Amino acid sequence: MKEENPWKKLKSNTVYENPWIRVDNHDVLNPAGNPGIYGTVHFKHLAIGVITLDKGKNTHLVGQYRFPLERYSWEIPEGGGKIDIDPLLTAQRELLEETGIKAKSWKELIRLNTSNSVTD
């Protein structure tokens, strides 16, 4: 696998920004060397989700209406945390806020990048 970046940025500019996200437009040369554009979204907070498991091996979901989807969504408890704060503290806060549950023990399962074709 090549770790070298095959894309070349020619010019970048911010087209939108608010307290949670920044959207940038990039003029690029793609891996084939052809000119193109690429849009990226930068999140200003970490997204942190919690999967609970109680003594009965049950987990807990929360539901809410999601504006971008225009529908109700069942989800694991999740929320945003500041980059410079321990993600565990955010996970604990979100679980308590969304479910009223305080976990006795915690284990980090995974760190991953979702929507990594357009977000960093």
PDB file of N, CA and C in Angstrom:
ATOM      1  N   MET A   1       0.832  -1.179   0.000  1.00  0.00           N
ATOM      2  CA  MET A   1       0.000   0.000   0.000  1.00  0.00           C
ATOM      3  C   MET A   1       0.882   1.249   0.000  1.00  0.00           C
ATOM      4  N   LYS A   2       0.515   2.185  -0.846  1.00  0.00           N
ATOM      5  CA  LYS A   2       1.230   3.453  -0.877  1.00  0.00           C
ATOM      6  C   LYS A   2       0.678   4.387   0.182  1.00  0.00           C
ATOM      7  N   GLU A   3       1.549   4.914   1.019  1.00  0.00           N
ATOM      8  CA  GLU A   3       1.139   5.882   2.034  1.00  0.00           C
ATOM      9  C   GLU A   3       1.296   7.314   1.512  1.00  0.00           C
ATOM     10  N   GLU A   4       1.906   7.460   0.374  1.00  0.00           N
ATOM     11  CA  GLU A   4       2.146   8.778  -0.209  1.00  0.00           C
ATOM     12  C   GLU A   4       0.841   9.349  -0.764  1.00  0.00           C
ATOM     13  N   ASN A   5       0.597  10.628  -0.534  1.00  0.00           N
ATOM     14  CA  ASN A   5      -0.625  11.277  -1.000  1.00  0.00           C
ATOM     15  C   ASN A   5      -0.562  11.493  -2.510  1.00  0.00           C
ATOM     16  N   PRO A   6      -1.464  10.856  -3.285  1.00  0.00           N
ATOM     17  CA  PRO A   6      -1.459  11.040  -4.735  1.00  0.00           C
ATOM     18  C   PRO A   6      -2.201  12.299  -5.201  1.00  0.00           C
ATOM     19  N   TRP A   7      -2.847  12.991  -4.279  1.00  0.00           N
ATOM     20  CA  TRP A   7      -3.577  14.218  -4.595  1.00  0.00           C
ATOM     21  C   TRP A   7      -2.660  15.422  -4.402  1.00  0.00           C
ATOM     22  N   LYS A   8      -2.836  16.458  -5.227  1.00  0.00           N
ATOM     23  CA  LYS A   8      -2.076  17.694  -5.043  1.00  0.00           C
ATOM     24  C   LYS A   8      -3.062  18.847  -4.907  1.00  0.00           C
ATOM     25  N   LYS A   9      -2.969  19.569  -3.763  1.00  0.00           N
ATOM     26  CA  LYS A   9      -3.810  20.755  -3.561  1.00  0.00           C
ATOM     27  C   LYS A   9      -3.175  21.934  -4.275  1.00  0.00           C
ATOM     28  N   LEU A  10      -3.976  22.590  -5.099  1.00  0.00           N
ATOM     29  CA  LEU A  10      -3.515  23.784  -5.795  1.00  0.00           C
ATOM     30  C   LEU A  10      -3.936  25.043  -5.055  1.00  0.00           C
ATOM     31  N   LYS A  11      -5.149  25.021  -4.520  1.00  0.00           N
ATOM     32  CA  LYS A  11      -5.706  26.185  -3.824  1.00  0.00           C
ATOM     33  C   LYS A  11      -6.832  25.702  -2.924  1.00  0.00           C
ATOM     34  N   SER A  12      -6.947  26.277  -1.724  1.00  0.00           N
ATOM     35  CA  SER A  12      -8.020  25.930  -0.795  1.00  0.00           C
ATOM     36  C   SER A  12      -8.630  27.198  -0.228  1.00  0.00           C
ATOM     37  N   ASN A  13      -9.946  27.166  -0.007  1.00  0.00           N
ATOM     38  CA  ASN A  13     -10.600  28.282   0.664  1.00  0.00           C
ATOM     39  C   ASN A  13     -11.798  27.785   1.456  1.00  0.00           C
ATOM     40  N   THR A  14     -12.074  28.470   2.555  1.00  0.00           N
ATOM     41  CA  THR A  14     -13.214  28.146   3.399  1.00  0.00           C
ATOM     42  C   THR A  14     -14.455  28.777   2.792  1.00  0.00           C
ATOM     43  N   VAL A  15     -15.501  27.951   2.590  1.00  0.00           N
ATOM     44  CA  VAL A  15     -16.742  28.464   2.006  1.00  0.00           C
ATOM     45  C   VAL A  15     -17.852  28.616   3.039  1.00  0.00           C
ATOM     46  N   TYR A  16     -17.679  27.975   4.206  1.00  0.00           N
ATOM     47  CA  TYR A  16     -18.680  28.092   5.272  1.00  0.00           C
ATOM     48  C   TYR A  16     -18.034  27.675   6.581  1.00  0.00           C
ATOM     49  N   GLU A  17     -18.449  28.366   7.672  1.00  0.00           N
ATOM     50  CA  GLU A  17     -17.941  27.998   8.987  1.00  0.00           C
ATOM     51  C   GLU A  17     -18.940  28.417  10.055  1.00  0.00           C
ATOM     52  N   ASN A  18     -19.102  27.549  11.076  1.00  0.00           N
ATOM     53  CA  ASN A  18     -19.892  27.885  12.249  1.00  0.00           C
ATOM     54  C   ASN A  18     -19.172  27.286  13.463  1.00  0.00           C
ATOM     55  N   PRO A  19     -19.721  27.351  14.670  1.00  0.00           N
ATOM     56  CA  PRO A  19     -18.993  26.828  15.836  1.00  0.00           C
ATOM     57  C   PRO A  19     -18.735  25.315  15.817  1.00  0.00           C
ATOM     58  N   TRP A  20     -19.395  24.568  14.925  1.00  0.00           N
ATOM     59  CA  TRP A  20     -19.264  23.109  14.931  1.00  0.00           C
ATOM     60  C   TRP A  20     -18.506  22.553  13.737  1.00  0.00           C
ATOM     61  N   ILE A  21     -18.628  23.202  12.571  1.00  0.00           N
ATOM     62  CA  ILE A  21     -17.989  22.680  11.362  1.00  0.00           C
ATOM     63  C   ILE A  21     -17.359  23.787  10.531  1.00  0.00           C
ATOM     64  N   ARG A  22     -16.458  23.357   9.640  1.00  0.00           N
ATOM     65  CA  ARG A  22     -15.910  24.243   8.616  1.00  0.00           C
ATOM     66  C   ARG A  22     -15.939  23.473   7.300  1.00  0.00           C
ATOM     67  N   VAL A  23     -16.401  24.112   6.237  1.00  0.00           N
ATOM     68  CA  VAL A  23     -16.457  23.489   4.916  1.00  0.00           C
ATOM     69  C   VAL A  23     -15.452  24.204   4.016  1.00  0.00           C
ATOM     70  N   ASP A  24     -14.558  23.414   3.421  1.00  0.00           N
ATOM     71  CA  ASP A  24     -13.519  23.967   2.552  1.00  0.00           C
ATOM     72  C   ASP A  24     -13.674  23.423   1.135  1.00  0.00           C
ATOM     73  N   ASN A  25     -13.328  24.261   0.165  1.00  0.00           N
ATOM     74  CA  ASN A  25     -13.280  23.867  -1.237  1.00  0.00           C
ATOM     75  C   ASN A  25     -11.812  23.846  -1.657  1.00  0.00           C
ATOM     76  N   HIS A  26     -11.429  22.788  -2.362  1.00  0.00           N
ATOM     77  CA  HIS A  26     -10.049  22.639  -2.793  1.00  0.00           C
ATOM     78  C   HIS A  26     -10.001  22.463  -4.304  1.00  0.00           C
ATOM     79  N   ASP A  27      -9.147  23.246  -4.972  1.00  0.00           N
ATOM     80  CA  ASP A  27      -8.797  22.979  -6.361  1.00  0.00           C
ATOM     81  C   ASP A  27      -7.641  21.997  -6.302  1.00  0.00           C
ATOM     82  N   VAL A  28      -7.752  20.881  -7.025  1.00  0.00           N
ATOM     83  CA  VAL A  28      -6.789  19.802  -6.893  1.00  0.00           C
ATOM     84  C   VAL A  28      -6.347  19.263  -8.252  1.00  0.00           C
ATOM     85  N   LEU A  29      -5.272  18.512  -8.196  1.00  0.00           N
ATOM     86  CA  LEU A  29      -4.937  17.579  -9.266  1.00  0.00           C
ATOM     87  C   LEU A  29      -5.209  16.208  -8.673  1.00  0.00           C
ATOM     88  N   ASN A  30      -6.067  15.422  -9.335  1.00  0.00           N
ATOM     89  CA  ASN A  30      -6.411  14.107  -8.801  1.00  0.00           C
ATOM     90  C   ASN A  30      -5.271  13.121  -9.043  1.00  0.00           C
ATOM     91  N   PRO A  31      -5.382  11.887  -8.535  1.00  0.00           N
ATOM     92  CA  PRO A  31      -4.286  10.933  -8.691  1.00  0.00           C
ATOM     93  C   PRO A  31      -3.868  10.662 -10.141  1.00  0.00           C
ATOM     94  N   ALA A  32      -4.787  10.881 -11.097  1.00  0.00           N
ATOM     95  CA  ALA A  32      -4.446  10.707 -12.515  1.00  0.00           C
ATOM     96  C   ALA A  32      -3.791  11.952 -13.103  1.00  0.00           C
ATOM     97  N   GLY A  33      -3.671  13.013 -12.268  1.00  0.00           N
ATOM     98  CA  GLY A  33      -3.057  14.257 -12.731  1.00  0.00           C
ATOM     99  C   GLY A  33      -4.016  15.227 -13.377  1.00  0.00           C
ATOM    100  N   ASN A  34      -5.313  14.929 -13.331  1.00  0.00           N
ATOM    101  CA  ASN A  34      -6.323  15.799 -13.929  1.00  0.00           C
ATOM    102  C   ASN A  34      -6.815  16.826 -12.921  1.00  0.00           C
ATOM    103  N   PRO A  35      -7.125  18.046 -13.375  1.00  0.00           N
ATOM    104  CA  PRO A  35      -7.644  19.060 -12.460  1.00  0.00           C
ATOM    105  C   PRO A  35      -9.055  18.704 -12.005  1.00  0.00           C
ATOM    106  N   GLY A  36      -9.368  19.101 -10.780  1.00  0.00           N
ATOM    107  CA  GLY A  36     -10.691  18.850 -10.238  1.00  0.00           C
ATOM    108  C   GLY A  36     -10.930  19.676  -9.000  1.00  0.00           C
ATOM    109  N   ILE A  37     -12.046  19.397  -8.348  1.00  0.00           N
ATOM    110  CA  ILE A  37     -12.385  20.058  -7.089  1.00  0.00           C
ATOM    111  C   ILE A  37     -12.655  18.990  -6.046  1.00  0.00           C
ATOM    112  N   TYR A  38     -12.470  19.361  -4.787  1.00  0.00           N
ATOM    113  CA  TYR A  38     -12.767  18.453  -3.676  1.00  0.00           C
ATOM    114  C   TYR A  38     -13.294  19.304  -2.530  1.00  0.00           C
ATOM    115  N   GLY A  39     -14.415  18.897  -1.956  1.00  0.00           N
ATOM    116  CA  GLY A  39     -14.976  19.571  -0.798  1.00  0.00           C
ATOM    117  C   GLY A  39     -14.743  18.747   0.451  1.00  0.00           C
ATOM    118  N   THR A  40     -14.351  19.399   1.539  1.00  0.00           N
ATOM    119  CA  THR A  40     -14.138  18.697   2.804  1.00  0.00           C
ATOM    120  C   THR A  40     -14.871  19.394   3.940  1.00  0.00           C
ATOM    121  N   VAL A  41     -15.259  18.597   4.932  1.00  0.00           N
ATOM    122  CA  VAL A  41     -15.905  19.102   6.135  1.00  0.00           C
ATOM    123  C   VAL A  41     -14.987  18.796   7.319  1.00  0.00           C
ATOM    124  N   HIS A  42     -14.677  19.811   8.096  1.00  0.00           N
ATOM    125  CA  HIS A  42     -13.858  19.661   9.299  1.00  0.00           C
ATOM    126  C   HIS A  42     -14.770  19.821  10.513  1.00  0.00           C
ATOM    127  N   PHE A  43     -14.815  18.786  11.345  1.00  0.00           N
ATOM    128  CA  PHE A  43     -15.590  18.867  12.582  1.00  0.00           C
ATOM    129  C   PHE A  43     -14.710  19.469  13.669  1.00  0.00           C
ATOM    130  N   LYS A  44     -15.257  20.387  14.441  1.00  0.00           N
ATOM    131  CA  LYS A  44     -14.489  21.071  15.480  1.00  0.00           C
ATOM    132  C   LYS A  44     -14.552  20.362  16.824  1.00  0.00           C
ATOM    133  N   HIS A  45     -15.299  19.267  16.909  1.00  0.00           N
ATOM    134  CA  HIS A  45     -15.398  18.459  18.119  1.00  0.00           C
ATOM    135  C   HIS A  45     -15.264  16.989  17.744  1.00  0.00           C
ATOM    136  N   LEU A  46     -14.894  16.169  18.716  1.00  0.00           N
ATOM    137  CA  LEU A  46     -14.867  14.725  18.513  1.00  0.00           C
ATOM    138  C   LEU A  46     -16.279  14.169  18.639  1.00  0.00           C
ATOM    139  N   ALA A  47     -16.627  13.214  17.809  1.00  0.00           N
ATOM    140  CA  ALA A  47     -17.890  12.489  17.945  1.00  0.00           C
ATOM    141  C   ALA A  47     -17.611  11.253  18.787  1.00  0.00           C
ATOM    142  N   ILE A  48     -18.355  11.095  19.866  1.00  0.00           N
ATOM    143  CA  ILE A  48     -18.102  10.004  20.799  1.00  0.00           C
ATOM    144  C   ILE A  48     -19.403   9.261  21.055  1.00  0.00           C
ATOM    145  N   GLY A  49     -19.376   7.945  20.853  1.00  0.00           N
ATOM    146  CA  GLY A  49     -20.544   7.108  21.072  1.00  0.00           C
ATOM    147  C   GLY A  49     -20.290   6.106  22.178  1.00  0.00           C
ATOM    148  N   VAL A  50     -21.380   5.665  22.810  1.00  0.00           N
ATOM    149  CA  VAL A  50     -21.291   4.743  23.942  1.00  0.00           C
ATOM    150  C   VAL A  50     -22.196   3.545  23.679  1.00  0.00           C
ATOM    151  N   ILE A  51     -21.634   2.358  23.798  1.00  0.00           N
ATOM    152  CA  ILE A  51     -22.423   1.133  23.728  1.00  0.00           C
ATOM    153  C   ILE A  51     -22.475   0.558  25.137  1.00  0.00           C
ATOM    154  N   THR A  52     -23.671   0.504  25.702  1.00  0.00           N
ATOM    155  CA  THR A  52     -23.834  -0.011  27.065  1.00  0.00           C
ATOM    156  C   THR A  52     -24.057  -1.509  27.027  1.00  0.00           C
ATOM    157  N   LEU A  53     -23.694  -2.148  28.111  1.00  0.00           N
ATOM    158  CA  LEU A  53     -23.981  -3.568  28.285  1.00  0.00           C
ATOM    159  C   LEU A  53     -24.230  -3.794  29.771  1.00  0.00           C
ATOM    160  N   ASP A  54     -25.479  -4.129  30.111  1.00  0.00           N
ATOM    161  CA  ASP A  54     -25.803  -4.327  31.524  1.00  0.00           C
ATOM    162  C   ASP A  54     -25.651  -5.793  31.916  1.00  0.00           C
ATOM    163  N   LYS A  55     -25.990  -6.126  33.153  1.00  0.00           N
ATOM    164  CA  LYS A  55     -25.822  -7.494  33.662  1.00  0.00           C
ATOM    165  C   LYS A  55     -26.600  -8.515  32.836  1.00  0.00           C
ATOM    166  N   GLY A  56     -27.718  -8.101  32.283  1.00  0.00           N
ATOM    167  CA  GLY A  56     -28.538  -8.987  31.450  1.00  0.00           C
ATOM    168  C   GLY A  56     -28.123  -8.998  29.991  1.00  0.00           C
ATOM    169  N   LYS A  57     -26.988  -8.394  29.683  1.00  0.00           N
ATOM    170  CA  LYS A  57     -26.458  -8.294  28.309  1.00  0.00           C
ATOM    171  C   LYS A  57     -27.351  -7.452  27.406  1.00  0.00           C
ATOM    172  N   ASN A  58     -28.066  -6.494  28.005  1.00  0.00           N
ATOM    173  CA  ASN A  58     -28.894  -5.563  27.246  1.00  0.00           C
ATOM    174  C   ASN A  58     -28.101  -4.301  26.957  1.00  0.00           C
ATOM    175  N   THR A  59     -28.408  -3.670  25.840  1.00  0.00           N
ATOM    176  CA  THR A  59     -27.820  -2.376  25.524  1.00  0.00           C
ATOM    177  C   THR A  59     -28.946  -1.346  25.485  1.00  0.00           C
ATOM    178  N   HIS A  60     -28.602  -0.094  25.399  1.00  0.00           N
ATOM    179  CA  HIS A  60     -29.593   0.975  25.430  1.00  0.00           C
ATOM    180  C   HIS A  60     -29.439   1.864  24.204  1.00  0.00           C
ATOM    181  N   LEU A  61     -30.559   2.196  23.598  1.00  0.00           N
ATOM    182  CA  LEU A  61     -30.585   3.114  22.470  1.00  0.00           C
ATOM    183  C   LEU A  61     -31.364   4.363  22.863  1.00  0.00           C
ATOM    184  N   VAL A  62     -31.094   5.428  22.166  1.00  0.00           N
ATOM    185  CA  VAL A  62     -31.849   6.665  22.335  1.00  0.00           C
ATOM    186  C   VAL A  62     -32.380   7.066  20.964  1.00  0.00           C
ATOM    187  N   GLY A  63     -33.472   7.786  20.963  1.00  0.00           N
ATOM    188  CA  GLY A  63     -34.052   8.195  19.699  1.00  0.00           C
ATOM    189  C   GLY A  63     -34.289   9.689  19.655  1.00  0.00           C
ATOM    190  N   GLN A  64     -34.136  10.222  18.458  1.00  0.00           N
ATOM    191  CA  GLN A  64     -34.422  11.638  18.258  1.00  0.00           C
ATOM    192  C   GLN A  64     -34.632  11.903  16.773  1.00  0.00           C
ATOM    193  N   TYR A  65     -35.299  13.002  16.509  1.00  0.00           N
ATOM    194  CA  TYR A  65     -35.510  13.415  15.121  1.00  0.00           C
ATOM    195  C   TYR A  65     -34.230  14.052  14.627  1.00  0.00           C
ATOM    196  N   ARG A  66     -33.724  13.598  13.474  1.00  0.00           N
ATOM    197  CA  ARG A  66     -32.486  14.126  12.897  1.00  0.00           C
ATOM    198  C   ARG A  66     -32.810  15.023  11.715  1.00  0.00           C
ATOM    199  N   PHE A  67     -32.453  16.289  11.863  1.00  0.00           N
ATOM    200  CA  PHE A  67     -32.740  17.287  10.832  1.00  0.00           C
ATOM    201  C   PHE A  67     -32.180  16.894   9.468  1.00  0.00           C
ATOM    202  N   PRO A  68     -30.906  16.479   9.349  1.00  0.00           N
ATOM    203  CA  PRO A  68     -30.378  16.168   8.014  1.00  0.00           C
ATOM    204  C   PRO A  68     -31.097  15.001   7.329  1.00  0.00           C
ATOM    205  N   LEU A  69     -31.566  14.032   8.112  1.00  0.00           N
ATOM    206  CA  LEU A  69     -32.253  12.866   7.546  1.00  0.00           C
ATOM    207  C   LEU A  69     -33.738  13.117   7.318  1.00  0.00           C
ATOM    208  N   GLU A  70     -34.279  14.120   8.015  1.00  0.00           N
ATOM    209  CA  GLU A  70     -35.706  14.420   8.005  1.00  0.00           C
ATOM    210  C   GLU A  70     -36.529  13.214   8.467  1.00  0.00           C
ATOM    211  N   ARG A  71     -36.018  12.553   9.522  1.00  0.00           N
ATOM    212  CA  ARG A  71     -36.748  11.431  10.104  1.00  0.00           C
ATOM    213  C   ARG A  71     -36.212  11.134  11.502  1.00  0.00           C
ATOM    214  N   TYR A  72     -36.971  10.327  12.223  1.00  0.00           N
ATOM    215  CA  TYR A  72     -36.589   9.891  13.563  1.00  0.00           C
ATOM    216  C   TYR A  72     -35.526   8.806  13.430  1.00  0.00           C
ATOM    217  N   SER A  73     -34.588   8.775  14.359  1.00  0.00           N
ATOM    218  CA  SER A  73     -33.480   7.831  14.286  1.00  0.00           C
ATOM    219  C   SER A  73     -33.202   7.213  15.654  1.00  0.00           C
ATOM    220  N   TRP A  74     -33.061   5.875  15.710  1.00  0.00           N
ATOM    221  CA  TRP A  74     -32.631   5.177  16.921  1.00  0.00           C
ATOM    222  C   TRP A  74     -31.121   5.027  16.848  1.00  0.00           C
ATOM    223  N   GLU A  75     -30.434   5.369  17.953  1.00  0.00           N
ATOM    224  CA  GLU A  75     -28.975   5.437  17.941  1.00  0.00           C
ATOM    225  C   GLU A  75     -28.398   5.028  19.284  1.00  0.00           C
ATOM    226  N   ILE A  76     -27.093   4.745  19.284  1.00  0.00           N
ATOM    227  CA  ILE A  76     -26.395   4.619  20.556  1.00  0.00           C
ATOM    228  C   ILE A  76     -26.270   6.021  21.142  1.00  0.00           C
ATOM    229  N   PRO A  77     -26.160   6.157  22.456  1.00  0.00           N
ATOM    230  CA  PRO A  77     -25.908   7.477  23.029  1.00  0.00           C
ATOM    231  C   PRO A  77     -24.607   8.035  22.455  1.00  0.00           C
ATOM    232  N   GLU A  78     -24.661   9.268  22.008  1.00  0.00           N
ATOM    233  CA  GLU A  78     -23.476   9.871  21.410  1.00  0.00           C
ATOM    234  C   GLU A  78     -23.556  11.381  21.488  1.00  0.00           C
ATOM    235  N   GLY A  79     -22.397  11.995  21.325  1.00  0.00           N
ATOM    236  CA  GLY A  79     -22.358  13.447  21.352  1.00  0.00           C
ATOM    237  C   GLY A  79     -20.978  13.953  21.008  1.00  0.00           C
ATOM    238  N   GLY A  80     -20.821  15.254  21.095  1.00  0.00           N
ATOM    239  CA  GLY A  80     -19.557  15.881  20.734  1.00  0.00           C
ATOM    240  C   GLY A  80     -18.768  16.298  21.953  1.00  0.00           C
ATOM    241  N   GLY A  81     -17.465  16.125  21.835  1.00  0.00           N
ATOM    242  CA  GLY A  81     -16.569  16.525  22.912  1.00  0.00           C
ATOM    243  C   GLY A  81     -15.460  17.409  22.392  1.00  0.00           C
ATOM    244  N   LYS A  82     -15.034  18.324  23.212  1.00  0.00           N
ATOM    245  CA  LYS A  82     -13.938  19.197  22.810  1.00  0.00           C
ATOM    246  C   LYS A  82     -12.667  18.386  22.599  1.00  0.00           C
ATOM    247  N   ILE A  83     -11.891  18.805  21.621  1.00  0.00           N
ATOM    248  CA  ILE A  83     -10.681  18.090  21.222  1.00  0.00           C
ATOM    249  C   ILE A  83      -9.697  17.933  22.387  1.00  0.00           C
ATOM    250  N   ASP A  84      -9.604  18.937  23.256  1.00  0.00           N
ATOM    251  CA  ASP A  84      -8.598  18.928  24.326  1.00  0.00           C
ATOM    252  C   ASP A  84      -9.102  18.308  25.637  1.00  0.00           C
ATOM    253  N   ILE A  85     -10.285  17.673  25.608  1.00  0.00           N
ATOM    254  CA  ILE A  85     -10.841  17.031  26.805  1.00  0.00           C
ATOM    255  C   ILE A  85     -10.803  15.514  26.607  1.00  0.00           C
ATOM    256  N   ASP A  86     -10.471  14.778  27.662  1.00  0.00           N
ATOM    257  CA  ASP A  86     -10.422  13.323  27.619  1.00  0.00           C
ATOM    258  C   ASP A  86     -11.748  12.779  27.071  1.00  0.00           C
ATOM    259  N   PRO A  87     -11.714  11.994  25.987  1.00  0.00           N
ATOM    260  CA  PRO A  87     -12.945  11.452  25.412  1.00  0.00           C
ATOM    261  C   PRO A  87     -13.779  10.647  26.407  1.00  0.00           C
ATOM    262  N   LEU A  88     -13.152  10.022  27.394  1.00  0.00           N
ATOM    263  CA  LEU A  88     -13.904   9.277  28.400  1.00  0.00           C
ATOM    264  C   LEU A  88     -14.849  10.195  29.175  1.00  0.00           C
ATOM    265  N   LEU A  89     -14.385  11.396  29.501  1.00  0.00           N
ATOM    266  CA  LEU A  89     -15.247  12.339  30.216  1.00  0.00           C
ATOM    267  C   LEU A  89     -16.467  12.710  29.375  1.00  0.00           C
ATOM    268  N   THR A  90     -16.259  12.886  28.077  1.00  0.00           N
ATOM    269  CA  THR A  90     -17.386  13.182  27.191  1.00  0.00           C
ATOM    270  C   THR A  90     -18.331  11.996  27.116  1.00  0.00           C
ATOM    271  N   ALA A  91     -17.783  10.785  27.006  1.00  0.00           N
ATOM    272  CA  ALA A  91     -18.621   9.584  26.944  1.00  0.00           C
ATOM    273  C   ALA A  91     -19.466   9.450  28.205  1.00  0.00           C
ATOM    274  N   GLN A  92     -18.851   9.668  29.365  1.00  0.00           N
ATOM    275  CA  GLN A  92     -19.583   9.577  30.628  1.00  0.00           C
ATOM    276  C   GLN A  92     -20.695  10.619  30.701  1.00  0.00           C
ATOM    277  N   ARG A  93     -20.394  11.834  30.280  1.00  0.00           N
ATOM    278  CA  ARG A  93     -21.391  12.910  30.290  1.00  0.00           C
ATOM    279  C   ARG A  93     -22.554  12.594  29.351  1.00  0.00           C
ATOM    280  N   GLU A  94     -22.237  12.160  28.146  1.00  0.00           N
ATOM    281  CA  GLU A  94     -23.286  11.871  27.166  1.00  0.00           C
ATOM    282  C   GLU A  94     -24.186  10.721  27.614  1.00  0.00           C
ATOM    283  N   LEU A  95     -23.594   9.670  28.165  1.00  0.00           N
ATOM    284  CA  LEU A  95     -24.401   8.547  28.635  1.00  0.00           C
ATOM    285  C   LEU A  95     -25.367   8.990  29.725  1.00  0.00           C
ATOM    286  N   LEU A  96     -24.884   9.770  30.675  1.00  0.00           N
ATOM    287  CA  LEU A  96     -25.737  10.258  31.758  1.00  0.00           C
ATOM    288  C   LEU A  96     -26.819  11.195  31.233  1.00  0.00           C
ATOM    289  N   GLU A  97     -26.446  12.142  30.362  1.00  0.00           N
ATOM    290  CA  GLU A  97     -27.418  13.099  29.816  1.00  0.00           C
ATOM    291  C   GLU A  97     -28.520  12.408  29.019  1.00  0.00           C
ATOM    292  N   GLU A  98     -28.134  11.437  28.198  1.00  0.00           N
ATOM    293  CA  GLU A  98     -29.100  10.859  27.266  1.00  0.00           C
ATOM    294  C   GLU A  98     -29.882   9.674  27.824  1.00  0.00           C
ATOM    295  N   THR A  99     -29.337   8.987  28.833  1.00  0.00           N
ATOM    296  CA  THR A  99     -30.020   7.789  29.343  1.00  0.00           C
ATOM    297  C   THR A  99     -30.249   7.813  30.845  1.00  0.00           C
ATOM    298  N   GLY A 100     -29.553   8.676  31.580  1.00  0.00           N
ATOM    299  CA  GLY A 100     -29.630   8.678  33.030  1.00  0.00           C
ATOM    300  C   GLY A 100     -28.783   7.587  33.670  1.00  0.00           C
ATOM    301  N   ILE A 101     -27.967   6.912  32.865  1.00  0.00           N
ATOM    302  CA  ILE A 101     -27.154   5.789  33.342  1.00  0.00           C
ATOM    303  C   ILE A 101     -25.741   6.249  33.676  1.00  0.00           C
ATOM    304  N   LYS A 102     -25.209   5.722  34.793  1.00  0.00           N
ATOM    305  CA  LYS A 102     -23.800   5.874  35.152  1.00  0.00           C
ATOM    306  C   LYS A 102     -23.175   4.485  35.084  1.00  0.00           C
ATOM    307  N   ALA A 103     -22.190   4.299  34.231  1.00  0.00           N
ATOM    308  CA  ALA A 103     -21.552   2.990  34.094  1.00  0.00           C
ATOM    309  C   ALA A 103     -20.545   2.767  35.215  1.00  0.00           C
ATOM    310  N   LYS A 104     -20.416   1.505  35.641  1.00  0.00           N
ATOM    311  CA  LYS A 104     -19.440   1.153  36.683  1.00  0.00           C
ATOM    312  C   LYS A 104     -18.041   0.978  36.109  1.00  0.00           C
ATOM    313  N   SER A 105     -17.957   0.520  34.872  1.00  0.00           N
ATOM    314  CA  SER A 105     -16.644   0.346  34.248  1.00  0.00           C
ATOM    315  C   SER A 105     -16.726   0.749  32.781  1.00  0.00           C
ATOM    316  N   TRP A 106     -15.582   1.084  32.233  1.00  0.00           N
ATOM    317  CA  TRP A 106     -15.500   1.575  30.865  1.00  0.00           C
ATOM    318  C   TRP A 106     -14.375   0.867  30.127  1.00  0.00           C
ATOM    319  N   LYS A 107     -14.587   0.618  28.820  1.00  0.00           N
ATOM    320  CA  LYS A 107     -13.550   0.038  27.977  1.00  0.00           C
ATOM    321  C   LYS A 107     -13.661   0.676  26.597  1.00  0.00           C
ATOM    322  N   GLU A 108     -12.557   1.230  26.122  1.00  0.00           N
ATOM    323  CA  GLU A 108     -12.563   1.786  24.765  1.00  0.00           C
ATOM    324  C   GLU A 108     -12.529   0.637  23.777  1.00  0.00           C
ATOM    325  N   LEU A 109     -13.483   0.629  22.843  1.00  0.00           N
ATOM    326  CA  LEU A 109     -13.562  -0.445  21.859  1.00  0.00           C
ATOM    327  C   LEU A 109     -12.814  -0.120  20.577  1.00  0.00           C
ATOM    328  N   ILE A 110     -12.993   1.097  20.076  1.00  0.00           N
ATOM    329  CA  ILE A 110     -12.401   1.423  18.782  1.00  0.00           C
ATOM    330  C   ILE A 110     -12.375   2.936  18.577  1.00  0.00           C
ATOM    331  N   ARG A 111     -11.408   3.374  17.815  1.00  0.00           N
ATOM    332  CA  ARG A 111     -11.387   4.740  17.287  1.00  0.00           C
ATOM    333  C   ARG A 111     -11.408   4.602  15.779  1.00  0.00           C
ATOM    334  N   LEU A 112     -12.307   5.340  15.138  1.00  0.00           N
ATOM    335  CA  LEU A 112     -12.416   5.217  13.681  1.00  0.00           C
ATOM    336  C   LEU A 112     -12.798   6.521  13.043  1.00  0.00           C
ATOM    337  N   ASN A 113     -12.589   6.578  11.755  1.00  0.00           N
ATOM    338  CA  ASN A 113     -12.975   7.734  10.948  1.00  0.00           C
ATOM    339  C   ASN A 113     -14.163   7.329  10.098  1.00  0.00           C
ATOM    340  N   THR A 114     -15.293   8.016  10.308  1.00  0.00           N
ATOM    341  CA  THR A 114     -16.468   7.736   9.495  1.00  0.00           C
ATOM    342  C   THR A 114     -16.628   8.851   8.465  1.00  0.00           C
ATOM    343  N   SER A 115     -17.296   8.564   7.385  1.00  0.00           N
ATOM    344  CA  SER A 115     -17.473   9.538   6.296  1.00  0.00           C
ATOM    345  C   SER A 115     -16.140  10.132   5.863  1.00  0.00           C
ATOM    346  N   ASN A 116     -15.095   9.304   5.836  1.00  0.00           N
ATOM    347  CA  ASN A 116     -13.761   9.833   5.579  1.00  0.00           C
ATOM    348  C   ASN A 116     -13.509  10.198   4.116  1.00  0.00           C
ATOM    349  N   SER A 117     -14.521  10.074   3.263  1.00  0.00           N
ATOM    350  CA  SER A 117     -14.361  10.566   1.901  1.00  0.00           C
ATOM    351  C   SER A 117     -14.597  12.068   1.810  1.00  0.00           C
ATOM    352  N   VAL A 118     -15.257  12.632   2.843  1.00  0.00           N
ATOM    353  CA  VAL A 118     -15.506  14.076   2.827  1.00  0.00           C
ATOM    354  C   VAL A 118     -15.171  14.771   4.144  1.00  0.00           C
ATOM    355  N   THR A 119     -14.897  14.008   5.208  1.00  0.00           N
ATOM    356  CA  THR A 119     -14.573  14.638   6.492  1.00  0.00           C
ATOM    357  C   THR A 119     -13.170  14.250   6.924  1.00  0.00           C
ATOM    358  N   ASP A 120     -12.595  15.090   7.772  1.00  0.00           N
ATOM    359  CA  ASP A 120     -11.258  14.780   8.281  1.00  0.00           C
ATOM    360  C   ASP A 120     -11.322  14.256   9.700  1.00  0.00           C
TER     361      ASP A 120
END
